[in-house]
Amino acid sequence: MLGEREARMALAGLESLGAIGFAKALAEFGPVDLWDGFVGQAETTTWGRKAAALDLDGLRRATDACGARFLIPGDAEWPVGLSDLDRVQVAQQGGQPVGLWAIGEQLNQLDTAVAVVGARAASGYGEQVALTLAADLAAAGHVVVSGMAFGIDGAAHRGALGVGGRSVAVVACGVDEPYPSAHRQLAAALAETGSIVSELPPGLRPTRYAFLARNRIIAALSSAVVVVEAALRSGAKNTASWASALGRPLFAVPGPVTSSLSATPHRLIRDGEAILCAGAADVESVLAPLGSLPEAESRGEQRPVDRLSPGLFEIREAVLPGEEVVFSQLCARTGQPVLEALANAAELVELGWLEELADGRFRLPRRPAG
C-alpha cells in the first residue's frame, strides 16, 4: 500500500486538473483509498484505465531528474491559500491541487503575494505597465505571481526579478519543460531566485484545459489579483473570476479606449468588480494594515501660494495678471472690510506677493514670489 505522499503523486499523475467530481472523491475517501479504488476499477472506468497506465516509478525518477520536489497539503511550504479552492467553483472546475511539483525557492511568505496577469499579445503600453507595477510591488516586499506566458506574464516576472524581488510562476505544463520555449532564460532565472510550480507531472505539455486549471492556483496563491490588459475572451478574465470567487481583491489597469485589450479591465472597473489600479500604491492601499500607510494626496503638489492664509489668498487672487487695481477694487472683489483688506494687502506687499505702485495701485510682481 502506498503512503499519502506517493498516493497523491500517483493521483496527480492522472491529471485531474480541478475536476469537481475528482475533488469531491478525494475529500470523501482520502488519497490512499481513492488511489486503491481507481486501481481496483482497472479497465471499467476512465480513472481506472488511467491509473493502470501510470508508471509511478517513472514519475518519481522524472521528478528527481529535474530537481523538483513534490509538495502535498500539510507540508511546511504548502501555501495555505490553496485550501480556499475546496469551497468554490468556476467554469466547472474546483478543488485544490492533489499536490504540486516545485523547483526553486520554497513557497513561503506568500501572505501578501500579488498576481499580475493579462494578455499574451500585449501592447507595449501593457508590458511597460506590468513591468513597472511588478517591480514596484516586489520592491515593497510583495511576491509577484504570474503564469510565465508571453506578454503581461513575462513582463511581470521580469519586473519583479529585475529589482531583486521574488516571483512565482504557475505553469500549465511540467516544471521541467518551460512553456513557451522562448522563455527558457526567464524560467532559469525563476528557478534560481524565484519558484516554478505546477500540478502537472514533469514532461507534460500544456493544454487549453490545463491553462484554465492553473488560473485557479494563481488566484489562490495571491492576496490580490491585478489584470493589466485582456480581451473579452481571455485567460486573464478567467483568473479574475477565480479572484472574485475566492474573495481576493481584484484590480484592473485602465487602457486606451481604442484598444480591444482594454475591454476586460474596463468592464471589470465599470461593473464594480475591480478596483481601478494606476500603480502599486493602489494595491498597497488595500493590502496594507489599516492606518499603516499615509493618506494619499488627493491634489497636485502644493504651490507656495497655497500656503497663504485664506484672507491673504483672496486678496492675491483678486489681482489678475497684467492689471493694476486700486484699493477700492480689492475691497469690492473680495468683500473684505476696509481695515482687513488694507492689512492683508500690506502684508502681501511685504511678503513679495504684490507690488504697490507710487500712485497707490497694486499689481502682481513681475516675477513670481517664493
Protein backbone atom coordinates (compact mmCIF):
# COMPACT_ATOMS: atom_id res chain seq x y z
CA MET A 1 0.00 0.00 0.00
CA LEU A 2 1.25 3.47 -0.87
CA GLY A 3 1.76 6.21 1.71
CA GLU A 4 -0.09 9.51 1.39
CA ARG A 5 2.69 11.35 -0.50
CA GLU A 6 3.10 8.55 -3.05
CA ALA A 7 -0.66 8.17 -3.41
CA ARG A 8 -1.01 11.89 -4.04
CA MET A 9 1.81 11.82 -6.59
CA ALA A 10 0.08 8.95 -8.37
CA LEU A 11 -3.26 10.78 -8.31
CA ALA A 12 -1.62 13.96 -9.58
CA GLY A 13 -0.22 11.92 -12.44
CA LEU A 14 -3.82 11.26 -13.57
CA GLU A 15 -4.11 14.98 -14.48
CA SER A 16 -7.43 15.71 -12.79
CA LEU A 17 -6.88 19.47 -13.27
CA GLY A 18 -9.63 20.72 -11.00
CA ALA A 19 -12.26 18.14 -11.98
CA ILE A 20 -15.01 18.69 -9.42
CA GLY A 21 -16.02 15.03 -9.13
CA PHE A 22 -12.41 14.06 -8.54
CA ALA A 23 -12.01 16.71 -5.83
CA LYS A 24 -15.15 15.53 -4.05
CA ALA A 25 -13.99 11.90 -4.15
CA LEU A 26 -10.59 12.89 -2.77
CA ALA A 27 -12.22 14.76 0.10
CA GLU A 28 -14.54 11.83 0.86
CA PHE A 29 -12.13 8.88 0.64
CA GLY A 30 -8.67 10.41 1.11
CA PRO A 31 -5.73 9.95 -1.29
CA VAL A 32 -4.70 6.40 -0.33
CA ASP A 33 -8.16 4.82 -0.54
CA LEU A 34 -9.03 6.81 -3.66
CA TRP A 35 -5.91 5.57 -5.45
CA ASP A 36 -6.56 1.97 -4.38
CA GLY A 37 -10.12 2.33 -5.62
CA PHE A 38 -9.00 3.53 -9.03
CA VAL A 39 -6.50 0.70 -9.30
CA GLY A 40 -9.24 -1.76 -8.41
CA GLN A 41 -11.54 -0.37 -11.10
CA ALA A 42 -8.93 -1.21 -13.74
CA GLU A 43 -10.47 -1.15 -17.23
CA THR A 44 -14.04 -0.49 -16.06
CA THR A 45 -13.73 3.30 -15.65
CA THR A 46 -11.77 6.17 -17.19
CA TRP A 47 -9.89 6.85 -13.96
CA GLY A 48 -9.21 3.14 -13.57
CA ARG A 49 -7.68 2.93 -17.04
CA LYS A 50 -5.53 5.98 -16.34
CA ALA A 51 -4.37 4.50 -13.04
CA ALA A 52 -3.48 1.20 -14.70
CA ALA A 53 -1.35 3.02 -17.27
CA LEU A 54 0.51 5.20 -14.78
CA ASP A 55 4.21 4.47 -14.19
CA LEU A 56 4.71 5.73 -10.64
CA ASP A 57 8.38 4.71 -10.53
CA GLY A 58 8.99 6.60 -13.75
CA LEU A 59 7.21 9.61 -12.28
CA ARG A 60 9.48 9.53 -9.23
CA ARG A 61 12.56 9.33 -11.45
CA ALA A 62 11.38 12.23 -13.63
CA THR A 63 10.77 14.32 -10.50
CA ASP A 64 14.27 13.65 -9.19
CA ALA A 65 15.88 14.13 -12.60
CA CYS A 66 14.66 17.71 -12.97
CA GLY A 67 15.44 18.63 -9.37
CA ALA A 68 11.80 19.13 -8.43
CA ARG A 69 10.14 18.38 -5.14
CA PHE A 70 6.58 17.11 -4.77
CA LEU A 71 4.54 19.02 -2.21
CA ILE A 72 1.32 17.95 -0.51
CA PRO A 73 -1.08 19.60 1.95
CA GLY A 74 0.44 19.59 5.40
CA ASP A 75 3.98 20.28 4.20
CA ALA A 76 5.61 23.30 5.80
CA GLU A 77 5.77 25.15 2.48
CA TRP A 78 2.30 24.18 1.22
CA PRO A 79 0.53 27.51 0.60
CA VAL A 80 -2.44 27.73 2.96
CA GLY A 81 -4.42 29.82 0.48
CA LEU A 82 -4.88 26.80 -1.76
CA SER A 83 -7.36 25.30 0.69
CA ASP A 84 -9.82 28.06 -0.26
CA LEU A 85 -10.24 26.30 -3.61
CA ASP A 86 -12.17 23.50 -1.89
CA ARG A 87 -15.15 25.80 -1.31
CA VAL A 88 -15.59 27.47 -4.71
CA GLN A 89 -16.18 26.51 -8.34
CA VAL A 90 -15.63 28.44 -11.57
CA ALA A 91 -16.42 27.11 -15.05
CA GLN A 92 -16.92 23.53 -13.80
CA GLN A 93 -13.55 23.47 -12.05
CA GLY A 94 -12.73 23.46 -8.35
CA GLY A 95 -10.70 21.92 -5.57
CA GLN A 96 -7.12 22.48 -4.54
CA PRO A 97 -4.38 20.55 -6.33
CA VAL A 98 -3.73 16.98 -5.20
CA GLY A 99 -0.09 18.03 -4.98
CA LEU A 100 2.38 20.41 -6.59
CA TRP A 101 5.71 19.95 -8.30
CA ALA A 102 8.02 22.84 -7.46
CA ILE A 103 11.53 23.97 -8.26
CA GLY A 104 13.38 26.98 -6.92
CA GLU A 105 12.76 28.82 -3.67
CA GLN A 106 10.34 27.46 -1.09
CA LEU A 107 6.76 28.58 -1.36
CA ASN A 108 6.65 30.51 1.88
CA GLN A 109 5.96 34.12 2.76
CA LEU A 110 3.12 34.37 0.24
CA ASP A 111 0.85 36.20 2.70
CA THR A 112 0.88 39.37 0.61
CA ALA A 113 1.66 37.90 -2.80
CA VAL A 114 0.11 39.75 -5.75
CA ALA A 115 -0.80 38.18 -9.08
CA VAL A 116 -0.20 40.30 -12.18
CA VAL A 117 -1.88 38.77 -15.23
CA GLY A 118 -3.03 39.77 -18.68
CA ALA A 119 -2.92 39.27 -22.41
CA ARG A 120 -0.27 37.25 -24.23
CA ALA A 121 -0.45 39.54 -27.26
CA ALA A 122 0.07 42.58 -25.04
CA SER A 123 0.75 46.09 -26.27
CA GLY A 124 3.92 48.00 -25.49
CA TYR A 125 1.87 50.07 -23.05
CA GLY A 126 0.61 46.96 -21.27
CA GLU A 127 4.02 45.36 -20.95
CA GLN A 128 5.55 48.57 -19.61
CA VAL A 129 2.77 48.95 -17.04
CA ALA A 130 3.12 45.31 -15.96
CA LEU A 131 6.91 45.54 -15.66
CA THR A 132 6.79 48.77 -13.63
CA LEU A 133 3.91 47.58 -11.45
CA ALA A 134 5.61 44.28 -10.65
CA ALA A 135 8.93 45.99 -9.94
CA ASP A 136 7.29 48.42 -7.52
CA LEU A 137 5.35 45.65 -5.79
CA ALA A 138 8.46 43.49 -5.46
CA ALA A 139 10.48 46.41 -4.14
CA ALA A 140 7.81 46.86 -1.48
CA GLY A 141 8.25 43.24 -0.40
CA HIS A 142 5.45 41.51 -2.29
CA VAL A 143 5.96 38.22 -4.12
CA VAL A 144 4.72 38.60 -7.72
CA VAL A 145 2.75 35.64 -9.08
CA SER A 146 2.02 35.05 -12.76
CA GLY A 147 1.88 32.36 -15.44
CA MET A 148 5.17 32.79 -17.38
CA ALA A 149 3.31 33.27 -20.67
CA PHE A 150 4.23 35.82 -23.33
CA GLY A 151 3.11 39.41 -22.86
CA ILE A 152 1.93 40.61 -19.46
CA ASP A 153 3.01 37.48 -17.55
CA GLY A 154 6.58 37.63 -18.77
CA ALA A 155 6.82 41.37 -18.16
CA ALA A 156 5.55 40.90 -14.59
CA HIS A 157 8.16 38.23 -13.81
CA ARG A 158 10.95 40.31 -15.34
CA GLY A 159 9.88 43.40 -13.41
CA ALA A 160 10.00 41.57 -10.08
CA LEU A 161 13.29 39.81 -10.77
CA GLY A 162 14.84 43.00 -12.14
CA VAL A 163 14.71 44.69 -8.74
CA GLY A 164 15.93 41.61 -6.87
CA GLY A 165 12.43 40.61 -5.78
CA ARG A 166 10.75 37.21 -5.69
CA SER A 167 8.38 35.85 -8.30
CA VAL A 168 6.40 32.62 -8.61
CA ALA A 169 5.40 31.16 -11.99
CA VAL A 170 2.43 28.79 -12.06
CA VAL A 171 2.75 26.86 -15.32
CA ALA A 172 0.31 24.71 -17.30
CA CYS A 173 2.98 22.12 -18.13
CA GLY A 174 5.71 20.20 -16.36
CA VAL A 175 8.17 22.28 -14.36
CA ASP A 176 10.99 20.74 -16.40
CA GLU A 177 9.66 21.91 -19.77
CA PRO A 178 9.09 25.68 -19.66
CA TYR A 179 6.40 26.94 -21.99
CA PRO A 180 6.78 28.88 -24.17
CA SER A 181 10.24 27.56 -25.03
CA ALA A 182 11.37 31.11 -25.80
CA HIS A 183 11.14 31.75 -22.05
CA ARG A 184 13.86 29.26 -21.13
CA GLN A 185 16.12 32.03 -19.88
CA LEU A 186 13.29 33.50 -17.82
CA ALA A 187 12.50 30.05 -16.44
CA ALA A 188 16.14 29.59 -15.45
CA ALA A 189 16.10 32.91 -13.59
CA LEU A 190 12.87 31.98 -11.81
CA ALA A 191 14.28 28.60 -10.82
CA GLU A 192 17.33 30.32 -9.34
CA THR A 193 15.79 33.24 -7.45
CA GLY A 194 12.06 32.51 -7.54
CA SER A 195 9.85 29.45 -7.95
CA ILE A 196 8.11 27.48 -10.70
CA VAL A 197 5.17 25.30 -9.70
CA SER A 198 2.71 23.03 -11.48
CA GLU A 199 0.08 20.45 -10.64
CA LEU A 200 1.12 18.56 -13.79
CA PRO A 201 3.90 15.94 -13.75
CA PRO A 202 7.30 16.64 -15.33
CA GLY A 203 7.37 16.16 -19.08
CA LEU A 204 3.75 17.18 -19.67
CA ARG A 205 2.90 19.68 -22.40
CA PRO A 206 0.18 22.29 -21.87
CA THR A 207 -3.43 22.05 -23.00
CA ARG A 208 -6.20 24.66 -23.04
CA TYR A 209 -7.84 22.96 -20.07
CA ALA A 210 -4.55 23.00 -18.18
CA PHE A 211 -4.22 26.77 -18.69
CA LEU A 212 -7.69 27.30 -17.22
CA ALA A 213 -6.90 24.98 -14.30
CA ARG A 214 -3.67 26.77 -13.43
CA ASN A 215 -5.55 30.10 -13.25
CA ARG A 216 -7.28 28.95 -10.07
CA ILE A 217 -3.87 28.28 -8.49
CA ILE A 218 -2.56 31.73 -9.47
CA ALA A 219 -5.54 33.38 -7.80
CA ALA A 220 -5.42 31.17 -4.70
CA LEU A 221 -1.69 31.77 -4.12
CA SER A 222 -2.24 35.52 -4.12
CA SER A 223 -3.69 38.07 -1.74
CA ALA A 224 -4.76 40.24 -4.68
CA VAL A 225 -5.01 39.94 -8.47
CA VAL A 226 -4.25 42.71 -10.97
CA VAL A 227 -5.46 42.45 -14.58
CA VAL A 228 -3.36 44.69 -16.82
CA GLU A 229 -4.64 44.00 -20.34
CA ALA A 230 -7.16 41.41 -21.51
CA ALA A 231 -9.62 40.99 -24.37
CA LEU A 232 -13.23 39.98 -23.71
CA ARG A 233 -12.32 36.29 -24.06
CA SER A 234 -9.06 35.61 -22.26
CA GLY A 235 -7.37 33.55 -19.59
CA ALA A 236 -6.90 36.68 -17.50
CA LYS A 237 -10.66 37.09 -17.38
CA ASN A 238 -10.87 33.54 -16.01
CA THR A 239 -8.27 34.37 -13.36
CA ALA A 240 -10.31 37.44 -12.43
CA SER A 241 -13.36 35.21 -11.96
CA TRP A 242 -11.37 32.99 -9.60
CA ALA A 243 -10.17 36.03 -7.64
CA SER A 244 -13.75 37.20 -7.17
CA ALA A 245 -14.95 33.73 -6.18
CA LEU A 246 -12.14 33.40 -3.64
CA GLY A 247 -12.73 36.85 -2.21
CA ARG A 248 -9.34 38.18 -3.29
CA PRO A 249 -9.20 41.92 -4.01
CA LEU A 250 -9.34 42.38 -7.78
CA PHE A 251 -7.69 45.30 -9.56
CA ALA A 252 -7.73 46.34 -13.21
CA VAL A 253 -5.49 48.77 -15.07
CA PRO A 254 -7.31 51.14 -17.46
CA GLY A 255 -6.02 51.39 -21.01
CA PRO A 256 -6.77 53.20 -24.27
CA VAL A 257 -10.47 53.08 -25.18
CA THR A 258 -9.43 52.32 -28.77
CA SER A 259 -7.73 49.04 -27.78
CA SER A 260 -9.54 45.70 -27.64
CA LEU A 261 -7.12 44.74 -24.87
CA SER A 262 -8.79 47.31 -22.62
CA ALA A 263 -12.16 45.55 -22.89
CA THR A 264 -11.92 43.29 -19.85
CA PRO A 265 -10.20 45.77 -17.48
CA HIS A 266 -12.69 48.49 -18.39
CA ARG A 267 -15.67 46.17 -17.96
CA LEU A 268 -14.42 44.98 -14.56
CA ILE A 269 -14.00 48.59 -13.40
CA ARG A 270 -17.31 49.72 -14.89
CA ASP A 271 -19.28 46.90 -13.26
CA GLY A 272 -17.66 47.45 -9.88
CA GLU A 273 -15.93 44.06 -9.89
CA ALA A 274 -12.43 45.51 -9.85
CA ILE A 275 -10.67 48.48 -8.28
CA LEU A 276 -9.00 50.88 -10.69
CA CYS A 277 -5.24 50.40 -10.47
CA ALA A 278 -2.90 53.15 -11.65
CA GLY A 279 0.15 51.81 -9.84
CA ALA A 280 1.48 49.77 -6.94
CA ALA A 281 0.27 52.36 -4.41
CA ASP A 282 -3.34 51.46 -5.24
CA VAL A 283 -2.68 47.81 -4.41
CA GLU A 284 -0.70 48.74 -1.29
CA SER A 285 -3.56 50.88 0.00
CA VAL A 286 -5.84 47.82 0.06
CA LEU A 287 -3.39 45.19 1.30
CA ALA A 288 -1.61 47.26 3.95
CA PRO A 289 -2.96 47.13 7.53
CA LEU A 290 -5.41 49.91 8.27
CA GLY A 291 -3.63 53.11 9.21
CA SER A 292 -0.17 51.88 8.26
CA LEU A 293 0.05 54.00 5.12
CA PRO A 294 -0.21 57.79 4.94
CA GLU A 295 -3.35 59.09 3.31
CA ALA A 296 -2.81 59.52 -0.41
CA GLU A 297 -2.52 63.08 -1.65
CA SER A 298 -5.74 63.93 -3.47
CA ARG A 299 -4.47 67.08 -5.15
CA GLY A 300 -1.39 68.18 -7.02
CA GLU A 301 1.87 69.26 -5.46
CA GLN A 302 1.38 72.21 -3.12
CA ARG A 303 2.45 75.58 -4.52
CA PRO A 304 3.91 78.35 -2.35
CA VAL A 305 0.75 80.42 -2.87
CA ASP A 306 -1.31 77.57 -1.36
CA ARG A 307 0.36 78.25 1.98
CA LEU A 308 -1.19 81.72 2.26
CA SER A 309 -3.96 82.21 4.77
CA PRO A 310 -7.49 82.45 3.29
CA GLY A 311 -7.65 86.24 3.69
CA LEU A 312 -4.29 86.81 2.04
CA PHE A 313 -5.11 84.34 -0.71
CA GLU A 314 -8.37 86.18 -1.52
CA ILE A 315 -6.59 89.49 -1.97
CA ARG A 316 -3.81 87.87 -4.02
CA GLU A 317 -6.30 86.15 -6.34
CA ALA A 318 -8.29 89.39 -6.77
CA VAL A 319 -5.45 90.85 -8.85
CA LEU A 320 -5.31 89.43 -12.36
CA PRO A 321 -2.06 89.10 -14.33
CA GLY A 322 -1.19 92.28 -16.24
CA GLU A 323 -3.67 94.59 -14.48
CA GLU A 324 -3.25 97.34 -11.92
CA VAL A 325 -6.03 97.81 -9.37
CA VAL A 326 -6.87 100.42 -6.79
CA PHE A 327 -7.58 99.58 -3.18
CA SER A 328 -11.33 100.05 -3.56
CA GLN A 329 -11.36 97.33 -6.24
CA LEU A 330 -9.73 94.87 -3.84
CA CYS A 331 -12.44 95.53 -1.28
CA ALA A 332 -15.20 95.16 -3.87
CA ARG A 333 -13.82 91.94 -5.34
CA THR A 334 -13.18 90.19 -2.02
CA GLY A 335 -15.90 91.63 0.17
CA GLN A 336 -13.37 92.13 2.95
CA PRO A 337 -13.82 95.04 5.36
CA VAL A 338 -11.62 98.04 4.57
CA LEU A 339 -9.25 97.69 7.51
CA GLU A 340 -8.86 93.90 6.96
CA ALA A 341 -8.25 94.34 3.23
CA LEU A 342 -5.74 97.11 3.89
CA ALA A 343 -3.80 94.94 6.38
CA ASN A 344 -3.85 91.94 4.03
CA ALA A 345 -2.66 93.96 1.05
CA ALA A 346 0.18 95.47 3.08
CA GLU A 347 1.27 92.02 4.27
CA LEU A 348 1.23 90.67 0.71
CA VAL A 349 3.42 93.58 -0.40
CA GLU A 350 5.83 92.86 2.44
CA LEU A 351 5.94 89.14 1.55
CA GLY A 352 6.52 89.89 -2.13
CA TRP A 353 3.19 88.60 -3.43
CA LEU A 354 2.01 92.08 -4.53
CA GLU A 355 3.71 95.28 -5.68
CA GLU A 356 2.38 98.69 -4.58
CA LEU A 357 2.92 101.42 -7.13
CA ALA A 358 3.63 105.07 -6.35
CA ASP A 359 0.01 106.08 -7.09
CA GLY A 360 -1.36 103.51 -4.62
CA ARG A 361 -2.37 100.90 -7.18
CA PHE A 362 -1.45 97.23 -6.85
CA ARG A 363 -0.20 94.67 -9.35
CA LEU A 364 1.32 91.18 -9.34
CA PRO A 365 5.11 91.02 -9.15
CA ARG A 366 6.89 90.78 -12.45
CA ARG A 367 8.49 87.58 -11.14
CA PRO A 368 6.54 85.01 -9.09
CA ALA A 369 7.19 85.25 -5.37
CA GLY A 370 8.63 82.27 -3.45
